[in-house]
């Protein structure tokens, strides 16, 4: 459950940055802005899941060998 919460938080943060970056391309071309946003939007999901798993394993999973 905690991994999903981290994932959602990372997605919200990442998508906020995607909107910010895409807004820089909007004066040039709306089509380019949309393509940049969609590329970043998809990439954020991949990166957010990797980060969520990493954070969850590092800080919330105890080592059974200890």
N, C-alpha and C. Protein backbone atom coordinates (compact mmCIF):
# COMPACT_ATOMS: atom_id res chain seq x y z
N UNK A 1 0.82 -1.19 0.00
CA UNK A 1 0.00 0.00 0.00
C UNK A 1 0.87 1.26 0.00
N UNK A 2 1.95 1.22 0.76
CA UNK A 2 2.81 2.39 0.86
C UNK A 2 3.49 2.68 -0.48
N UNK A 3 3.78 1.62 -1.25
CA UNK A 3 4.41 1.81 -2.56
C UNK A 3 3.46 2.54 -3.50
N UNK A 4 2.18 2.27 -3.42
CA UNK A 4 1.21 2.94 -4.28
C UNK A 4 1.11 4.42 -3.92
N UNK A 5 1.19 4.72 -2.63
CA UNK A 5 1.15 6.13 -2.21
C UNK A 5 2.38 6.89 -2.71
N UNK A 6 3.55 6.26 -2.60
CA UNK A 6 4.75 6.89 -3.13
C UNK A 6 4.65 7.06 -4.65
N UNK A 7 4.13 6.03 -5.32
CA UNK A 7 3.97 6.09 -6.77
C UNK A 7 3.07 7.27 -7.16
N UNK A 8 1.95 7.40 -6.48
CA UNK A 8 1.02 8.49 -6.79
C UNK A 8 1.67 9.85 -6.54
N UNK A 9 2.42 9.97 -5.47
CA UNK A 9 3.09 11.23 -5.17
C UNK A 9 4.13 11.56 -6.24
N UNK A 10 4.91 10.57 -6.64
CA UNK A 10 5.92 10.80 -7.67
C UNK A 10 5.28 11.14 -9.02
N UNK A 11 4.13 10.53 -9.32
CA UNK A 11 3.44 10.83 -10.57
C UNK A 11 2.92 12.26 -10.57
N UNK A 12 2.34 12.69 -9.46
CA UNK A 12 1.82 14.06 -9.39
C UNK A 12 2.96 15.06 -9.55
N UNK A 13 4.06 14.83 -8.87
CA UNK A 13 5.21 15.74 -8.97
C UNK A 13 5.79 15.71 -10.38
N UNK A 14 5.96 14.53 -10.94
CA UNK A 14 6.52 14.40 -12.27
C UNK A 14 5.64 15.02 -13.34
N UNK A 15 4.33 14.84 -13.23
CA UNK A 15 3.43 15.43 -14.22
C UNK A 15 3.37 16.95 -14.10
N UNK A 16 3.55 17.46 -12.89
CA UNK A 16 3.61 18.92 -12.74
C UNK A 16 4.83 19.46 -13.50
N UNK A 17 5.95 18.78 -13.39
CA UNK A 17 7.13 19.19 -14.14
C UNK A 17 6.92 19.01 -15.65
N UNK A 18 6.19 17.97 -16.04
CA UNK A 18 5.91 17.75 -17.47
C UNK A 18 5.08 18.90 -18.04
N UNK A 19 4.12 19.36 -17.28
CA UNK A 19 3.31 20.50 -17.73
C UNK A 19 4.18 21.74 -17.84
N UNK A 20 5.05 21.95 -16.86
CA UNK A 20 5.93 23.11 -16.87
C UNK A 20 6.86 23.08 -18.09
N UNK A 21 7.46 21.94 -18.36
CA UNK A 21 8.37 21.82 -19.50
C UNK A 21 7.61 21.98 -20.81
N UNK A 22 6.43 21.38 -20.91
CA UNK A 22 5.65 21.49 -22.14
C UNK A 22 5.18 22.92 -22.38
N UNK A 23 4.98 23.68 -21.33
CA UNK A 23 4.53 25.06 -21.50
C UNK A 23 5.61 25.93 -22.15
N UNK A 24 6.87 25.55 -22.02
CA UNK A 24 7.93 26.29 -22.70
C UNK A 24 7.89 26.09 -24.21
N UNK A 25 7.36 24.94 -24.66
CA UNK A 25 7.27 24.65 -26.08
C UNK A 25 6.00 25.21 -26.71
N UNK A 26 5.03 25.60 -25.90
CA UNK A 26 3.75 26.04 -26.45
C UNK A 26 3.84 27.28 -27.34
N UNK A 27 4.67 28.29 -27.01
CA UNK A 27 4.76 29.43 -27.94
C UNK A 27 5.34 29.06 -29.30
N UNK A 28 6.15 28.03 -29.34
CA UNK A 28 6.75 27.58 -30.59
C UNK A 28 5.72 26.84 -31.44
N UNK A 29 5.10 25.84 -30.82
CA UNK A 29 4.13 25.03 -31.54
C UNK A 29 3.27 24.28 -30.53
N UNK A 30 1.95 24.35 -30.71
CA UNK A 30 1.07 23.61 -29.81
C UNK A 30 1.21 22.11 -30.01
N UNK A 31 1.46 21.71 -31.24
CA UNK A 31 1.65 20.29 -31.52
C UNK A 31 2.91 19.76 -30.84
N UNK A 32 3.99 20.53 -30.93
CA UNK A 32 5.23 20.13 -30.27
C UNK A 32 5.04 20.07 -28.76
N UNK A 33 4.31 21.02 -28.23
CA UNK A 33 4.04 21.04 -26.80
C UNK A 33 3.29 19.79 -26.37
N UNK A 34 2.29 19.39 -27.15
CA UNK A 34 1.52 18.20 -26.83
C UNK A 34 2.39 16.95 -26.90
N UNK A 35 3.23 16.85 -27.93
CA UNK A 35 4.10 15.68 -28.06
C UNK A 35 5.12 15.61 -26.93
N UNK A 36 5.66 16.74 -26.54
CA UNK A 36 6.60 16.77 -25.41
C UNK A 36 5.89 16.33 -24.14
N UNK A 37 4.70 16.86 -23.92
CA UNK A 37 3.96 16.48 -22.71
C UNK A 37 3.63 15.00 -22.70
N UNK A 38 3.14 14.47 -23.80
CA UNK A 38 2.78 13.05 -23.83
C UNK A 38 3.99 12.15 -23.62
N UNK A 39 5.11 12.52 -24.21
CA UNK A 39 6.33 11.74 -23.99
C UNK A 39 6.76 11.76 -22.53
N UNK A 40 6.73 12.93 -21.93
CA UNK A 40 7.09 13.03 -20.52
C UNK A 40 6.06 12.35 -19.63
N UNK A 41 4.78 12.44 -19.99
CA UNK A 41 3.71 11.82 -19.22
C UNK A 41 3.91 10.31 -19.11
N UNK A 42 4.23 9.69 -20.23
CA UNK A 42 4.46 8.24 -20.23
C UNK A 42 5.74 7.91 -19.47
N UNK A 43 6.79 8.70 -19.69
CA UNK A 43 8.05 8.47 -19.00
C UNK A 43 7.95 8.61 -17.49
N UNK A 44 7.09 9.52 -17.05
CA UNK A 44 6.92 9.74 -15.62
C UNK A 44 6.39 8.48 -14.94
N UNK A 45 5.50 7.75 -15.59
CA UNK A 45 4.96 6.54 -14.98
C UNK A 45 6.05 5.49 -14.77
N UNK A 46 6.93 5.34 -15.74
CA UNK A 46 8.02 4.37 -15.61
C UNK A 46 8.98 4.78 -14.50
N UNK A 47 9.40 6.02 -14.50
CA UNK A 47 10.35 6.50 -13.50
C UNK A 47 9.71 6.51 -12.11
N UNK A 48 8.44 6.89 -12.02
CA UNK A 48 7.77 6.95 -10.72
C UNK A 48 7.67 5.57 -10.10
N UNK A 49 7.40 4.54 -10.91
CA UNK A 49 7.30 3.20 -10.34
C UNK A 49 8.66 2.72 -9.83
N UNK A 50 9.70 2.97 -10.60
CA UNK A 50 11.05 2.58 -10.17
C UNK A 50 11.43 3.29 -8.86
N UNK A 51 11.15 4.59 -8.79
CA UNK A 51 11.45 5.34 -7.57
C UNK A 51 10.62 4.85 -6.39
N UNK A 52 9.34 4.56 -6.62
CA UNK A 52 8.47 4.10 -5.53
C UNK A 52 8.96 2.77 -4.97
N UNK A 53 9.35 1.86 -5.84
CA UNK A 53 9.85 0.57 -5.39
C UNK A 53 11.17 0.75 -4.63
N UNK A 54 12.04 1.59 -5.15
CA UNK A 54 13.32 1.84 -4.50
C UNK A 54 13.13 2.44 -3.11
N UNK A 55 12.31 3.45 -2.99
CA UNK A 55 12.08 4.10 -1.69
C UNK A 55 11.42 3.14 -0.72
N UNK A 56 10.44 2.38 -1.19
CA UNK A 56 9.74 1.44 -0.32
C UNK A 56 10.68 0.35 0.18
N UNK A 57 11.49 -0.21 -0.70
CA UNK A 57 12.41 -1.27 -0.28
C UNK A 57 13.48 -0.74 0.66
N UNK A 58 13.93 0.47 0.41
CA UNK A 58 15.03 1.00 1.22
C UNK A 58 14.59 1.40 2.62
N UNK A 59 13.42 2.00 2.75
CA UNK A 59 13.03 2.57 4.03
C UNK A 59 11.92 1.82 4.76
N UNK A 60 11.19 0.93 4.09
CA UNK A 60 10.05 0.30 4.74
C UNK A 60 10.09 -1.21 4.76
N UNK A 61 11.03 -1.83 4.09
CA UNK A 61 11.12 -3.29 4.10
C UNK A 61 12.31 -3.68 4.97
N UNK A 62 12.06 -4.51 5.95
CA UNK A 62 13.13 -4.95 6.83
C UNK A 62 13.78 -6.20 6.25
N UNK A 63 15.05 -6.35 6.53
CA UNK A 63 15.79 -7.49 6.05
C UNK A 63 15.48 -8.69 6.95
N UNK A 64 14.95 -9.78 6.39
CA UNK A 64 14.57 -10.94 7.22
C UNK A 64 15.80 -11.65 7.80
N UNK A 65 16.99 -11.39 7.27
CA UNK A 65 18.20 -12.05 7.78
C UNK A 65 18.71 -11.38 9.05
N UNK A 66 18.18 -10.20 9.37
CA UNK A 66 18.68 -9.47 10.56
C UNK A 66 18.11 -10.02 11.84
